[in-house]
């Protein structure tokens, strides 16, 4: 789910390199066909199913298509997600509600479909995309952080239910990356007044590799990279200090230093043509913005 760009595309194409059988599901059907071609050129097999994860009927259609084509599903990956950046009171309620529809309700629909299928099969691994914000919320991402906290608790509760009911061969993994250079920033709704950005972004390959690794060796939670692990660790010890520090960093980068940008709902409601890669060049853009800012202050 969410295979058309970012982590989802990266994982799908990497699975193609491993000659896996892959189901590609997202809103942008033409882009999925392109990715399917790359997977098949690498020796894998790809099935394209256009869908919107916020629609439970679409999710069920993906399930039926996967079983019809491949017989069973070993790993189900829920990676579809949208963001909204800005002061909580400046972001329209319809945008915030849509984040809940996609990031939380969509993952509930996907998780329910996956667990139902896995119980019939007797095995399976479900991977849900959380965030470092599943543990440590960041200012100007309020609704997004709320959905990611929900994703983490969803997975933790399901794992305990599986244990209590004897489903030892079914696992639920929550992946928790740090801010990463993907089209997420281009696609996010943005009402902050500045270009979408964050400090010290990780390369997407780090998260792609972690997802592949955890599909083979499941763990209930997987913070990806040193910054994400440190943020989770320190939030457990010093929650208020960690939230204050991360808020100050977000304020500096997003509010104080970001070049002006018009308000937009991004791809929250409708898919965008732009932002089709795994890496989106955000780090390089931020370097150029920093140089320009220095020139202006001389």
C-alpha atoms as a PDB file:
ATOM      1  CA  UNK A   1       0.000   0.000   0.000  1.00  0.00           C
ATOM      2  CA  UNK A   2       1.420   3.391  -0.984  1.00  0.00           C
ATOM      3  CA  UNK A   3       3.772   1.973  -3.622  1.00  0.00           C
ATOM      4  CA  UNK A   4       3.804   4.940  -6.000  1.00  0.00           C
ATOM      5  CA  UNK A   5       6.625   6.947  -4.379  1.00  0.00           C
ATOM      6  CA  UNK A   6       8.873   7.294  -1.350  1.00  0.00           C
ATOM      7  CA  UNK A   7       9.386   4.311   0.946  1.00  0.00           C
ATOM      8  CA  UNK A   8       6.633   2.339  -0.778  1.00  0.00           C
ATOM      9  CA  UNK A   9       8.229   2.620  -4.195  1.00  0.00           C
ATOM     10  CA  UNK A  10      11.685   1.941  -2.765  1.00  0.00           C
ATOM     11  CA  UNK A  11      10.560  -1.245  -1.028  1.00  0.00           C
ATOM     12  CA  UNK A  12       8.598  -2.449  -4.075  1.00  0.00           C
ATOM     13  CA  UNK A  13      11.536  -2.002  -6.429  1.00  0.00           C
ATOM     14  CA  UNK A  14      13.932  -3.606  -3.946  1.00  0.00           C
ATOM     15  CA  UNK A  15      11.612  -6.604  -3.708  1.00  0.00           C
ATOM     16  CA  UNK A  16      11.740  -6.774  -7.482  1.00  0.00           C
ATOM     17  CA  UNK A  17      15.530  -7.058  -7.256  1.00  0.00           C
ATOM     18  CA  UNK A  18      14.953 -10.060  -4.979  1.00  0.00           C
ATOM     19  CA  UNK A  19      12.568 -11.502  -7.615  1.00  0.00           C
ATOM     20  CA  UNK A  20       9.607 -11.416  -5.273  1.00  0.00           C
ATOM     21  CA  UNK A  21       5.912 -11.529  -6.142  1.00  0.00           C
ATOM     22  CA  UNK A  22       4.652  -8.006  -5.416  1.00  0.00           C
ATOM     23  CA  UNK A  23       1.241  -6.315  -5.295  1.00  0.00           C
ATOM     24  CA  UNK A  24       1.442  -2.572  -6.014  1.00  0.00           C
ATOM     25  CA  UNK A  25      -1.420  -0.527  -4.564  1.00  0.00           C
ATOM     26  CA  UNK A  26      -1.825   3.278  -4.587  1.00  0.00           C
ATOM     27  CA  UNK A  27      -3.879   6.035  -6.217  1.00  0.00           C
ATOM     28  CA  UNK A  28      -1.617   6.788  -9.213  1.00  0.00           C
ATOM     29  CA  UNK A  29      -2.278   3.867 -11.562  1.00  0.00           C
ATOM     30  CA  UNK A  30      -0.030   4.943 -14.460  1.00  0.00           C
ATOM     31  CA  UNK A  31       2.905   5.323 -12.094  1.00  0.00           C
ATOM     32  CA  UNK A  32       2.235   1.887 -10.629  1.00  0.00           C
ATOM     33  CA  UNK A  33       2.424   0.405 -14.123  1.00  0.00           C
ATOM     34  CA  UNK A  34       5.841   2.019 -14.578  1.00  0.00           C
ATOM     35  CA  UNK A  35       7.060   0.558 -11.284  1.00  0.00           C
ATOM     36  CA  UNK A  36       5.629  -2.837 -12.219  1.00  0.00           C
ATOM     37  CA  UNK A  37       7.695  -2.732 -15.403  1.00  0.00           C
ATOM     38  CA  UNK A  38      10.868  -2.085 -13.403  1.00  0.00           C
ATOM     39  CA  UNK A  39      10.070  -4.969 -11.049  1.00  0.00           C
ATOM     40  CA  UNK A  40       9.466  -7.392 -13.893  1.00  0.00           C
ATOM     41  CA  UNK A  41      12.612  -6.235 -15.700  1.00  0.00           C
ATOM     42  CA  UNK A  42      14.520  -7.177 -12.545  1.00  0.00           C
ATOM     43  CA  UNK A  43      13.033 -10.657 -12.516  1.00  0.00           C
ATOM     44  CA  UNK A  44      10.144 -10.150 -10.106  1.00  0.00           C
ATOM     45  CA  UNK A  45       6.404 -10.381 -10.707  1.00  0.00           C
ATOM     46  CA  UNK A  46       4.102  -7.410 -10.137  1.00  0.00           C
ATOM     47  CA  UNK A  47       0.343  -7.012  -9.876  1.00  0.00           C
ATOM     48  CA  UNK A  48      -1.071  -3.466 -10.087  1.00  0.00           C
ATOM     49  CA  UNK A  49      -4.241  -2.638  -8.138  1.00  0.00           C
ATOM     50  CA  UNK A  50      -5.154   1.092  -8.109  1.00  0.00           C
ATOM     51  CA  UNK A  51      -6.842   1.983  -4.826  1.00  0.00           C
ATOM     52  CA  UNK A  52      -7.303   4.492  -2.012  1.00  0.00           C
ATOM     53  CA  UNK A  53      -6.445   3.041   1.393  1.00  0.00           C
ATOM     54  CA  UNK A  54      -9.064   5.234   3.074  1.00  0.00           C
ATOM     55  CA  UNK A  55     -11.749   3.207   1.270  1.00  0.00           C
ATOM     56  CA  UNK A  56     -12.276  -0.204   2.951  1.00  0.00           C
ATOM     57  CA  UNK A  57     -13.853  -1.608  -0.215  1.00  0.00           C
ATOM     58  CA  UNK A  58     -10.649  -0.790  -2.120  1.00  0.00           C
ATOM     59  CA  UNK A  59      -8.597  -2.540   0.532  1.00  0.00           C
ATOM     60  CA  UNK A  60     -10.768  -5.639   0.271  1.00  0.00           C
ATOM     61  CA  UNK A  61     -10.368  -5.565  -3.506  1.00  0.00           C
ATOM     62  CA  UNK A  62      -6.574  -5.579  -3.098  1.00  0.00           C
ATOM     63  CA  UNK A  63      -6.825  -8.592  -0.800  1.00  0.00           C
ATOM     64  CA  UNK A  64      -8.920 -10.573  -3.255  1.00  0.00           C
ATOM     65  CA  UNK A  65      -6.637  -9.672  -6.167  1.00  0.00           C
ATOM     66  CA  UNK A  66      -3.523 -10.733  -4.252  1.00  0.00           C
ATOM     67  CA  UNK A  67      -4.971 -14.076  -3.196  1.00  0.00           C
ATOM     68  CA  UNK A  68      -6.360 -14.731  -6.656  1.00  0.00           C
ATOM     69  CA  UNK A  69      -2.970 -14.087  -8.268  1.00  0.00           C
ATOM     70  CA  UNK A  70      -0.551 -15.543  -5.727  1.00  0.00           C
ATOM     71  CA  UNK A  71      -2.569 -17.872  -3.489  1.00  0.00           C
ATOM     72  CA  UNK A  72      -1.397 -16.365  -0.211  1.00  0.00           C
ATOM     73  CA  UNK A  73       0.371 -13.310   1.226  1.00  0.00           C
ATOM     74  CA  UNK A  74       3.520 -13.629   3.317  1.00  0.00           C
ATOM     75  CA  UNK A  75       4.072  -9.922   4.056  1.00  0.00           C
ATOM     76  CA  UNK A  76       1.563  -7.057   3.979  1.00  0.00           C
ATOM     77  CA  UNK A  77       3.060  -3.532   4.057  1.00  0.00           C
ATOM     78  CA  UNK A  78       0.897  -0.483   4.855  1.00  0.00           C
ATOM     79  CA  UNK A  79       2.912   2.551   3.719  1.00  0.00           C
ATOM     80  CA  UNK A  80       0.298   4.954   2.394  1.00  0.00           C
ATOM     81  CA  UNK A  81       0.358   8.221   4.287  1.00  0.00           C
ATOM     82  CA  UNK A  82      -0.114  11.985   4.053  1.00  0.00           C
ATOM     83  CA  UNK A  83       1.048  14.908   6.173  1.00  0.00           C
ATOM     84  CA  UNK A  84      -0.024  18.412   7.154  1.00  0.00           C
ATOM     85  CA  UNK A  85       2.425  21.089   8.290  1.00  0.00           C
ATOM     86  CA  UNK A  86       1.554  24.296  10.116  1.00  0.00           C
ATOM     87  CA  UNK A  87       0.041  25.688  13.272  1.00  0.00           C
ATOM     88  CA  UNK A  88      -2.805  23.455  14.398  1.00  0.00           C
ATOM     89  CA  UNK A  89      -5.328  26.292  14.193  1.00  0.00           C
ATOM     90  CA  UNK A  90      -4.247  27.262  10.661  1.00  0.00           C
ATOM     91  CA  UNK A  91      -4.708  23.815   9.092  1.00  0.00           C
ATOM     92  CA  UNK A  92      -8.275  23.340   7.783  1.00  0.00           C
ATOM     93  CA  UNK A  93     -10.288  20.718   9.614  1.00  0.00           C
ATOM     94  CA  UNK A  94     -11.033  18.892   6.382  1.00  0.00           C
ATOM     95  CA  UNK A  95      -7.300  18.384   5.848  1.00  0.00           C
ATOM     96  CA  UNK A  96      -6.778  17.152   9.390  1.00  0.00           C
ATOM     97  CA  UNK A  97      -9.740  14.795   9.089  1.00  0.00           C
ATOM     98  CA  UNK A  98      -8.298  13.426   5.861  1.00  0.00           C
ATOM     99  CA  UNK A  99      -5.031  12.608   7.671  1.00  0.00           C
ATOM    100  CA  UNK A 100      -7.042  10.487  10.087  1.00  0.00           C
ATOM    101  CA  UNK A 101      -8.861   8.831   7.182  1.00  0.00           C
ATOM    102  CA  UNK A 102      -5.617   7.848   5.443  1.00  0.00           C
ATOM    103  CA  UNK A 103      -2.953   7.473   8.133  1.00  0.00           C
ATOM    104  CA  UNK A 104      -5.031   5.854  10.855  1.00  0.00           C
ATOM    105  CA  UNK A 105      -8.337   4.565   9.516  1.00  0.00           C
ATOM    106  CA  UNK A 106      -6.621   3.430   6.310  1.00  0.00           C
ATOM    107  CA  UNK A 107      -4.057   1.450   8.300  1.00  0.00           C
ATOM    108  CA  UNK A 108      -6.852  -0.005  10.427  1.00  0.00           C
ATOM    109  CA  UNK A 109      -8.567  -1.189   7.236  1.00  0.00           C
ATOM    110  CA  UNK A 110      -5.307  -2.581   5.861  1.00  0.00           C
ATOM    111  CA  UNK A 111      -4.371  -4.220   9.141  1.00  0.00           C
ATOM    112  CA  UNK A 112      -7.805  -5.808   9.519  1.00  0.00           C
ATOM    113  CA  UNK A 113      -7.640  -7.242   6.001  1.00  0.00           C
ATOM    114  CA  UNK A 114      -4.108  -8.542   6.561  1.00  0.00           C
ATOM    115  CA  UNK A 115      -4.785 -10.133   9.957  1.00  0.00           C
ATOM    116  CA  UNK A 116      -7.992 -11.742   8.684  1.00  0.00           C
ATOM    117  CA  UNK A 117      -6.049 -13.256   5.800  1.00  0.00           C
ATOM    118  CA  UNK A 118      -3.119 -14.317   7.975  1.00  0.00           C
ATOM    119  CA  UNK A 119      -5.425 -16.108  10.415  1.00  0.00           C
ATOM    120  CA  UNK A 120      -6.800 -18.170   7.528  1.00  0.00           C
ATOM    121  CA  UNK A 121      -3.281 -18.946   6.300  1.00  0.00           C
ATOM    122  CA  UNK A 122      -1.821 -19.534   9.756  1.00  0.00           C
ATOM    123  CA  UNK A 123       1.104 -17.144   9.196  1.00  0.00           C
ATOM    124  CA  UNK A 124       2.112 -13.701   7.963  1.00  0.00           C
ATOM    125  CA  UNK A 125       3.902 -10.472   8.815  1.00  0.00           C
ATOM    126  CA  UNK A 126       2.145  -7.106   8.840  1.00  0.00           C
ATOM    127  CA  UNK A 127       4.316  -3.995   8.593  1.00  0.00           C
ATOM    128  CA  UNK A 128       2.774  -0.623   9.400  1.00  0.00           C
ATOM    129  CA  UNK A 129       4.535   2.670   8.758  1.00  0.00           C
ATOM    130  CA  UNK A 130       4.734   4.669  11.943  1.00  0.00           C
ATOM    131  CA  UNK A 131       7.196   7.454  12.659  1.00  0.00           C
ATOM    132  CA  UNK A 132       9.546   8.738  15.310  1.00  0.00           C
ATOM    133  CA  UNK A 133       6.470  10.873  16.032  1.00  0.00           C
ATOM    134  CA  UNK A 134       4.669   7.723  17.135  1.00  0.00           C
ATOM    135  CA  UNK A 135       6.648   8.266  20.343  1.00  0.00           C
ATOM    136  CA  UNK A 136       7.820  11.891  20.253  1.00  0.00           C
ATOM    137  CA  UNK A 137       5.398  14.385  18.652  1.00  0.00           C
ATOM    138  CA  UNK A 138       6.799  17.393  16.833  1.00  0.00           C
ATOM    139  CA  UNK A 139       5.335  20.900  16.762  1.00  0.00           C
ATOM    140  CA  UNK A 140       3.550  21.924  13.546  1.00  0.00           C
ATOM    141  CA  UNK A 141       2.725  18.244  12.848  1.00  0.00           C
ATOM    142  CA  UNK A 142      -0.054  17.860  15.439  1.00  0.00           C
ATOM    143  CA  UNK A 143      -2.614  15.815  13.477  1.00  0.00           C
ATOM    144  CA  UNK A 144       0.097  13.787  11.772  1.00  0.00           C
ATOM    145  CA  UNK A 145       1.730  12.956  15.117  1.00  0.00           C
ATOM    146  CA  UNK A 146      -1.648  11.945  16.528  1.00  0.00           C
ATOM    147  CA  UNK A 147      -2.225   9.471  13.679  1.00  0.00           C
ATOM    148  CA  UNK A 148       1.251   7.987  14.029  1.00  0.00           C
ATOM    149  CA  UNK A 149       0.786   7.472  17.770  1.00  0.00           C
ATOM    150  CA  UNK A 150      -2.405   5.647  16.887  1.00  0.00           C
ATOM    151  CA  UNK A 151      -0.554   3.407  14.418  1.00  0.00           C
ATOM    152  CA  UNK A 152       1.938   2.366  17.095  1.00  0.00           C
ATOM    153  CA  UNK A 153      -0.764   1.564  19.649  1.00  0.00           C
ATOM    154  CA  UNK A 154      -2.768  -0.300  17.023  1.00  0.00           C
ATOM    155  CA  UNK A 155       0.152  -2.614  16.300  1.00  0.00           C
ATOM    156  CA  UNK A 156       1.037  -3.148  19.951  1.00  0.00           C
ATOM    157  CA  UNK A 157      -2.526  -4.079  20.871  1.00  0.00           C
ATOM    158  CA  UNK A 158      -2.927  -6.455  17.914  1.00  0.00           C
ATOM    159  CA  UNK A 159       0.327  -8.212  18.821  1.00  0.00           C
ATOM    160  CA  UNK A 160      -0.972  -8.922  22.310  1.00  0.00           C
ATOM    161  CA  UNK A 161      -4.287 -10.176  20.964  1.00  0.00           C
ATOM    162  CA  UNK A 162      -2.457 -12.503  18.590  1.00  0.00           C
ATOM    163  CA  UNK A 163      -0.349 -13.830  21.488  1.00  0.00           C
ATOM    164  CA  UNK A 164      -3.361 -14.393  23.735  1.00  0.00           C
ATOM    165  CA  UNK A 165      -5.191 -16.287  20.998  1.00  0.00           C
ATOM    166  CA  UNK A 166      -2.359 -18.583  19.985  1.00  0.00           C
ATOM    167  CA  UNK A 167      -1.374 -16.987  16.657  1.00  0.00           C
ATOM    168  CA  UNK A 168       2.360 -17.249  17.212  1.00  0.00           C
ATOM    169  CA  UNK A 169       3.202 -17.230  13.495  1.00  0.00           C
ATOM    170  CA  UNK A 170       1.579 -13.846  12.842  1.00  0.00           C
ATOM    171  CA  UNK A 171       3.608 -10.723  13.608  1.00  0.00           C
ATOM    172  CA  UNK A 172       2.893  -6.987  13.491  1.00  0.00           C
ATOM    173  CA  UNK A 173       5.821  -4.586  13.025  1.00  0.00           C
ATOM    174  CA  UNK A 174       5.709  -0.790  13.402  1.00  0.00           C
ATOM    175  CA  UNK A 175       8.512   0.986  11.529  1.00  0.00           C
ATOM    176  CA  UNK A 176       9.564   4.309  13.075  1.00  0.00           C
ATOM    177  CA  UNK A 177      11.810   6.430  10.831  1.00  0.00           C
ATOM    178  CA  UNK A 178      13.268   9.877  11.453  1.00  0.00           C
ATOM    179  CA  UNK A 179      12.409  12.662   8.984  1.00  0.00           C
ATOM    180  CA  UNK A 180      13.479  11.339   5.589  1.00  0.00           C
ATOM    181  CA  UNK A 181      14.114  12.839   2.152  1.00  0.00           C
ATOM    182  CA  UNK A 182      11.108  11.525   0.208  1.00  0.00           C
ATOM    183  CA  UNK A 183       8.208  13.155  -1.693  1.00  0.00           C
ATOM    184  CA  UNK A 184       6.330  13.257   1.629  1.00  0.00           C
ATOM    185  CA  UNK A 185       7.344  16.908   2.017  1.00  0.00           C
ATOM    186  CA  UNK A 186       6.203  17.870  -1.477  1.00  0.00           C
ATOM    187  CA  UNK A 187       2.916  16.000  -1.006  1.00  0.00           C
ATOM    188  CA  UNK A 188       2.127  17.327   2.484  1.00  0.00           C
ATOM    189  CA  UNK A 189      -0.534  19.932   3.052  1.00  0.00           C
ATOM    190  CA  UNK A 190       1.387  23.025   4.085  1.00  0.00           C
ATOM    191  CA  UNK A 191       0.006  26.042   5.928  1.00  0.00           C
ATOM    192  CA  UNK A 192       3.220  27.042   7.713  1.00  0.00           C
ATOM    193  CA  UNK A 193       4.093  29.890   5.366  1.00  0.00           C
ATOM    194  CA  UNK A 194       7.439  28.285   4.456  1.00  0.00           C
ATOM    195  CA  UNK A 195       8.735  25.486   2.238  1.00  0.00           C
ATOM    196  CA  UNK A 196       8.290  22.048   3.887  1.00  0.00           C
ATOM    197  CA  UNK A 197      11.487  20.901   5.612  1.00  0.00           C
ATOM    198  CA  UNK A 198      13.111  19.343   8.683  1.00  0.00           C
ATOM    199  CA  UNK A 199      16.583  19.168  10.176  1.00  0.00           C
ATOM    200  CA  UNK A 200      19.095  16.385   9.471  1.00  0.00           C
ATOM    201  CA  UNK A 201      16.991  14.260   7.137  1.00  0.00           C
ATOM    202  CA  UNK A 202      17.921  10.625   6.581  1.00  0.00           C
ATOM    203  CA  UNK A 203      18.230   9.053   3.116  1.00  0.00           C
ATOM    204  CA  UNK A 204      15.204   6.896   2.229  1.00  0.00           C
ATOM    205  CA  UNK A 205      17.385   3.854   1.518  1.00  0.00           C
ATOM    206  CA  UNK A 206      17.934   3.464   5.256  1.00  0.00           C
ATOM    207  CA  UNK A 207      14.203   2.975   5.819  1.00  0.00           C
ATOM    208  CA  UNK A 208      13.736   0.798   2.728  1.00  0.00           C
ATOM    209  CA  UNK A 209      16.435  -1.562   3.979  1.00  0.00           C
ATOM    210  CA  UNK A 210      14.907  -1.642   7.461  1.00  0.00           C
ATOM    211  CA  UNK A 211      11.497  -2.620   6.069  1.00  0.00           C
ATOM    212  CA  UNK A 212      12.993  -5.452   4.022  1.00  0.00           C
ATOM    213  CA  UNK A 213      14.981  -6.646   7.028  1.00  0.00           C
ATOM    214  CA  UNK A 214      11.967  -6.595   9.363  1.00  0.00           C
ATOM    215  CA  UNK A 215       9.832  -8.433   6.811  1.00  0.00           C
ATOM    216  CA  UNK A 216      12.282 -11.331   7.263  1.00  0.00           C
ATOM    217  CA  UNK A 217      13.070 -10.823  10.960  1.00  0.00           C
ATOM    218  CA  UNK A 218      10.012  -9.210  12.550  1.00  0.00           C
ATOM    219  CA  UNK A 219      10.231  -7.066  15.676  1.00  0.00           C
ATOM    220  CA  UNK A 220       7.287  -5.307  17.263  1.00  0.00           C
ATOM    221  CA  UNK A 221       8.908  -1.902  16.882  1.00  0.00           C
ATOM    222  CA  UNK A 222      11.814  -0.770  14.735  1.00  0.00           C
ATOM    223  CA  UNK A 223      13.168   2.760  15.122  1.00  0.00           C
ATOM    224  CA  UNK A 224      15.331   3.346  12.043  1.00  0.00           C
ATOM    225  CA  UNK A 225      18.725   5.002  12.369  1.00  0.00           C
ATOM    226  CA  UNK A 226      20.604   6.659  15.193  1.00  0.00           C
ATOM    227  CA  UNK A 227      18.531   9.849  15.311  1.00  0.00           C
ATOM    228  CA  UNK A 228      15.221   7.979  15.532  1.00  0.00           C
ATOM    229  CA  UNK A 229      16.575   5.615  18.187  1.00  0.00           C
ATOM    230  CA  UNK A 230      17.938   8.525  20.217  1.00  0.00           C
ATOM    231  CA  UNK A 231      14.667  10.454  19.978  1.00  0.00           C
ATOM    232  CA  UNK A 232      12.646   7.450  21.167  1.00  0.00           C
ATOM    233  CA  UNK A 233      15.110   6.684  23.970  1.00  0.00           C
ATOM    234  CA  UNK A 234      15.290  10.228  25.322  1.00  0.00           C
ATOM    235  CA  UNK A 235      11.536  10.721  25.065  1.00  0.00           C
ATOM    236  CA  UNK A 236      11.072   7.770  27.394  1.00  0.00           C
ATOM    237  CA  UNK A 237      13.481   9.299  29.911  1.00  0.00           C
ATOM    238  CA  UNK A 238      12.740  13.019  29.501  1.00  0.00           C
ATOM    239  CA  UNK A 239       9.473  13.408  27.574  1.00  0.00           C
ATOM    240  CA  UNK A 240       8.853  17.098  28.211  1.00  0.00           C
ATOM    241  CA  UNK A 241      12.447  18.102  27.489  1.00  0.00           C
ATOM    242  CA  UNK A 242      12.538  16.035  24.284  1.00  0.00           C
ATOM    243  CA  UNK A 243       9.254  17.488  23.023  1.00  0.00           C
ATOM    244  CA  UNK A 244      10.427  21.021  23.817  1.00  0.00           C
ATOM    245  CA  UNK A 245      13.755  20.482  22.058  1.00  0.00           C
ATOM    246  CA  UNK A 246      12.186  18.972  18.940  1.00  0.00           C
ATOM    247  CA  UNK A 247       9.613  21.783  18.865  1.00  0.00           C
ATOM    248  CA  UNK A 248      12.364  24.396  18.975  1.00  0.00           C
ATOM    249  CA  UNK A 249      14.191  22.669  16.107  1.00  0.00           C
ATOM    250  CA  UNK A 250      11.001  22.455  14.031  1.00  0.00           C
ATOM    251  CA  UNK A 251      10.238  26.113  14.700  1.00  0.00           C
ATOM    252  CA  UNK A 252      13.708  27.208  13.618  1.00  0.00           C
ATOM    253  CA  UNK A 253      13.707  25.191  10.399  1.00  0.00           C
ATOM    254  CA  UNK A 254      10.054  25.463   9.376  1.00  0.00           C
ATOM    255  CA  UNK A 255       8.943  28.856  10.670  1.00  0.00           C
ATOM    256  CA  UNK A 256      12.039  31.014  11.054  1.00  0.00           C
ATOM    257  CA  UNK A 257      14.341  29.846   8.231  1.00  0.00           C
ATOM    258  CA  UNK A 258      12.090  28.407   5.516  1.00  0.00           C
ATOM    259  CA  UNK A 259      11.666  30.521   2.371  1.00  0.00           C
ATOM    260  CA  UNK A 260       8.078  31.720   1.879  1.00  0.00           C
ATOM    261  CA  UNK A 261       5.633  29.294   0.278  1.00  0.00           C
ATOM    262  CA  UNK A 262       1.903  29.544  -0.456  1.00  0.00           C
ATOM    263  CA  UNK A 263      -0.613  27.463   1.441  1.00  0.00           C
ATOM    264  CA  UNK A 264      -1.601  24.188  -0.199  1.00  0.00           C
ATOM    265  CA  UNK A 265      -3.510  21.018   0.579  1.00  0.00           C
ATOM    266  CA  UNK A 266      -0.829  19.057  -1.304  1.00  0.00           C
ATOM    267  CA  UNK A 267      -1.878  15.518  -2.152  1.00  0.00           C
ATOM    268  CA  UNK A 268      -3.991  15.114   0.972  1.00  0.00           C
ATOM    269  CA  UNK A 269      -7.257  14.992  -0.985  1.00  0.00           C
ATOM    270  CA  UNK A 270      -6.135  14.317  -4.550  1.00  0.00           C
ATOM    271  CA  UNK A 271      -3.011  12.654  -5.937  1.00  0.00           C
ATOM    272  CA  UNK A 272      -0.315  14.930  -7.399  1.00  0.00           C
ATOM    273  CA  UNK A 273       1.607  14.362 -10.613  1.00  0.00           C
ATOM    274  CA  UNK A 274       4.894  15.480  -9.033  1.00  0.00           C
ATOM    275  CA  UNK A 275       6.925  13.598  -6.471  1.00  0.00           C
ATOM    276  CA  UNK A 276       7.237  10.166  -8.041  1.00  0.00           C
ATOM    277  CA  UNK A 277      10.666   9.044  -6.882  1.00  0.00           C
ATOM    278  CA  UNK A 278      12.036   7.425  -3.765  1.00  0.00           C
ATOM    279  CA  UNK A 279      14.360  10.342  -2.940  1.00  0.00           C
ATOM    280  CA  UNK A 280      12.935  13.811  -3.671  1.00  0.00           C
ATOM    281  CA  UNK A 281      16.017  16.031  -3.359  1.00  0.00           C
ATOM    282  CA  UNK A 282      14.772  17.885  -0.273  1.00  0.00           C
ATOM    283  CA  UNK A 283      18.204  17.914   1.377  1.00  0.00           C
ATOM    284  CA  UNK A 284      19.792  19.451  -1.699  1.00  0.00           C
ATOM    285  CA  UNK A 285      17.007  22.032  -1.899  1.00  0.00           C
ATOM    286  CA  UNK A 286      17.560  22.979   1.736  1.00  0.00           C
ATOM    287  CA  UNK A 287      21.283  23.469   1.132  1.00  0.00           C
ATOM    288  CA  UNK A 288      20.513  25.906  -1.679  1.00  0.00           C
ATOM    289  CA  UNK A 289      17.964  27.702   0.498  1.00  0.00           C
ATOM    290  CA  UNK A 290      20.570  28.042   3.251  1.00  0.00           C
ATOM    291  CA  UNK A 291      23.113  29.558   0.851  1.00  0.00           C
ATOM    292  CA  UNK A 292      20.521  32.003  -0.432  1.00  0.00           C
ATOM    293  CA  UNK A 293      19.574  33.023   3.099  1.00  0.00           C
ATOM    294  CA  UNK A 294      23.216  33.680   3.968  1.00  0.00           C
ATOM    295  CA  UNK A 295      23.608  35.887   0.897  1.00  0.00           C
ATOM    296  CA  UNK A 296      20.564  37.911   1.870  1.00  0.00           C
ATOM    297  CA  UNK A 297      21.830  38.496   5.431  1.00  0.00           C
ATOM    298  CA  UNK A 298      25.280  39.752   4.406  1.00  0.00           C
END
